[in-house]
Protein backbone atom coordinates (compact mmCIF):
# COMPACT_ATOMS: atom_id res chain seq x y z
CA MET A 1 10.27 -51.38 6.30
CA PRO A 2 9.74 -48.36 4.16
CA ARG A 3 7.52 -45.59 5.51
CA LYS A 4 4.40 -44.39 4.06
CA ILE A 5 3.23 -40.79 4.13
CA VAL A 6 -0.44 -40.79 4.86
CA SER A 7 -0.91 -37.16 4.78
CA TYR A 8 0.92 -34.02 3.68
CA THR A 9 0.21 -30.30 5.17
CA PRO A 10 2.89 -27.57 4.27
CA ILE A 11 3.69 -25.41 7.20
CA THR A 12 6.26 -22.67 7.76
CA ILE A 13 9.78 -22.42 9.11
CA PRO A 14 8.52 -20.65 12.16
CA GLU A 15 5.89 -23.27 12.86
CA VAL A 16 8.09 -26.16 12.48
CA ALA A 17 10.61 -23.93 15.36
CA GLU A 18 7.54 -23.63 17.54
CA LEU A 19 6.29 -27.71 17.26
CA LEU A 20 9.83 -28.98 17.91
CA SER A 21 10.65 -26.22 20.87
CA VAL A 22 7.81 -27.98 22.66
CA LYS A 23 9.42 -31.22 23.25
CA LYS A 24 13.38 -29.92 22.58
CA GLU A 25 14.82 -31.98 25.47
CA GLU A 26 13.50 -35.02 23.84
CA LEU A 27 14.85 -34.26 20.21
CA THR A 28 17.25 -36.58 18.53
CA PRO A 29 20.36 -35.30 17.08
CA LEU A 30 18.78 -34.83 13.65
CA GLN A 31 15.83 -33.15 15.07
CA LEU A 32 18.04 -30.89 16.90
CA ARG A 33 20.09 -29.88 13.77
CA VAL A 34 16.93 -28.97 12.52
CA TYR A 35 15.49 -27.15 15.19
CA ASN A 36 18.59 -25.04 15.69
CA TYR A 37 18.37 -24.08 11.53
CA VAL A 38 14.58 -23.03 11.91
CA THR A 39 15.14 -21.00 14.94
CA THR A 40 18.24 -19.32 13.18
CA PHE A 41 16.32 -18.76 9.64
CA ALA A 42 12.70 -18.16 10.92
CA LYS A 43 12.14 -14.51 10.45
CA LEU A 44 8.11 -14.17 12.12
CA SER A 45 6.84 -15.70 14.96
CA ALA A 46 4.67 -18.85 14.45
CA GLU A 47 1.39 -17.06 15.08
CA ARG A 48 2.65 -13.92 12.64
CA ALA A 49 3.54 -16.63 10.41
CA ARG A 50 0.18 -18.03 10.17
CA LYS A 51 -1.52 -14.94 9.99
CA LEU A 52 0.37 -14.18 6.66
CA VAL A 53 -0.02 -17.60 5.20
CA GLN A 54 -3.77 -16.88 5.84
CA GLU A 55 -3.64 -13.53 4.43
CA LEU A 56 -1.94 -14.39 1.24
CA GLN A 57 -4.51 -17.17 0.67
CA GLU A 58 -7.45 -15.07 1.15
CA LYS A 59 -6.30 -11.36 -0.12
CA PHE A 60 -4.46 -12.75 -3.01
CA GLY A 61 -5.44 -16.10 -3.91
CA LEU A 62 -2.29 -18.24 -3.46
CA GLU A 63 -2.63 -21.90 -2.85
CA LEU A 64 -1.10 -22.70 0.57
CA GLU A 65 1.96 -24.40 -0.48
CA GLU A 66 2.69 -20.99 -2.40
CA ALA A 67 1.78 -18.89 0.85
CA CYS A 68 3.93 -21.06 2.85
CA GLN A 69 7.16 -20.71 0.83
CA ILE A 70 6.83 -17.10 0.44
CA VAL A 71 6.61 -17.07 4.53
CA ASN A 72 9.93 -19.13 4.78
CA ILE A 73 11.67 -16.83 2.76
CA CYS A 74 10.27 -13.78 2.81
CA PRO A 75 11.12 -12.08 -0.47
CA ARG A 76 11.72 -8.14 0.06
CA ASP A 77 11.30 -7.05 -3.92
CA VAL A 78 9.04 -7.89 -6.57
CA ASN A 79 12.29 -10.12 -8.33
CA GLU A 80 12.61 -11.64 -5.03
CA LEU A 81 9.01 -12.52 -5.29
CA ARG A 82 9.20 -13.95 -9.03
CA ALA A 83 12.14 -16.31 -8.11
CA VAL A 84 9.90 -17.72 -5.43
CA LEU A 85 6.76 -18.44 -7.35
CA SER A 86 8.39 -19.48 -10.73
CA GLY A 87 8.92 -22.67 -9.51
CA TYR A 88 5.31 -23.61 -9.42
CA LYS A 89 3.11 -25.02 -12.07
CA ARG A 90 1.00 -22.10 -12.17
CA LEU A 91 2.78 -19.36 -13.94
CA ILE A 92 1.92 -17.00 -11.12
CA SER A 93 4.02 -14.05 -11.80
CA SER A 94 3.62 -13.58 -15.28
CA ILE A 95 0.08 -14.44 -15.86
CA LEU A 96 -1.94 -14.31 -12.88
CA PHE A 97 -0.14 -11.04 -11.12
CA SER A 98 0.76 -7.83 -12.38
CA ASP A 99 3.75 -5.91 -11.02
CA GLN A 100 0.94 -4.09 -8.68
CA LYS A 101 -0.26 -7.06 -7.54
CA LEU A 102 3.15 -9.01 -6.65
CA SER A 103 4.34 -5.33 -5.01
CA GLU A 104 1.41 -5.75 -2.92
CA ILE A 105 2.36 -8.73 -1.62
CA VAL A 106 5.80 -7.44 -1.03
CA GLN A 107 4.37 -4.76 0.97
CA THR A 108 2.04 -7.02 3.18
CA ILE A 109 5.41 -9.31 3.82
CA GLU A 110 7.27 -5.97 4.76
CA SER A 111 4.52 -5.03 7.09
CA TYR A 112 4.67 -8.37 8.81
CA LEU A 113 8.46 -8.10 9.27
CA ARG A 114 8.13 -4.53 10.83
CA GLU A 115 5.72 -6.04 13.02
CA GLU A 116 8.02 -8.63 14.38
CA VAL A 117 10.73 -6.00 14.91
CA ASP A 118 8.87 -3.79 16.46
CA ALA A 119 7.22 -6.80 18.93
CA LYS A 120 10.86 -7.88 19.53
CA GLN A 121 11.99 -4.12 20.46
CA VAL A 122 9.03 -4.00 22.99
CA GLN A 123 10.29 -7.18 24.55
CA GLU A 124 13.64 -6.00 25.15
């Protein structure tokens, strides 16, 4: 019997890692592979990822899906950010945002990445 998608809510890679870590012992082999992937490629903690998504939505007017994709990739320059945003229906990089606005987004991402590195150094 085919499965029916009842609802869809985009979440970030760190949030997936957080959800799967709760029941790590009960994961199926496929879920375990997903868990290994997301723990390897998550660049922020789940808490910081949620805060960054919220800030990108409020401060820059991005949609949830766009903000989640940016947090998943964490582009480090304007050209990378343009590449991430170019696949969306709205022509964000060329119409809605100037180079200055795009560089502000990149600076915001960089600040969250620096905070993450600082937090990890404090824990060690």
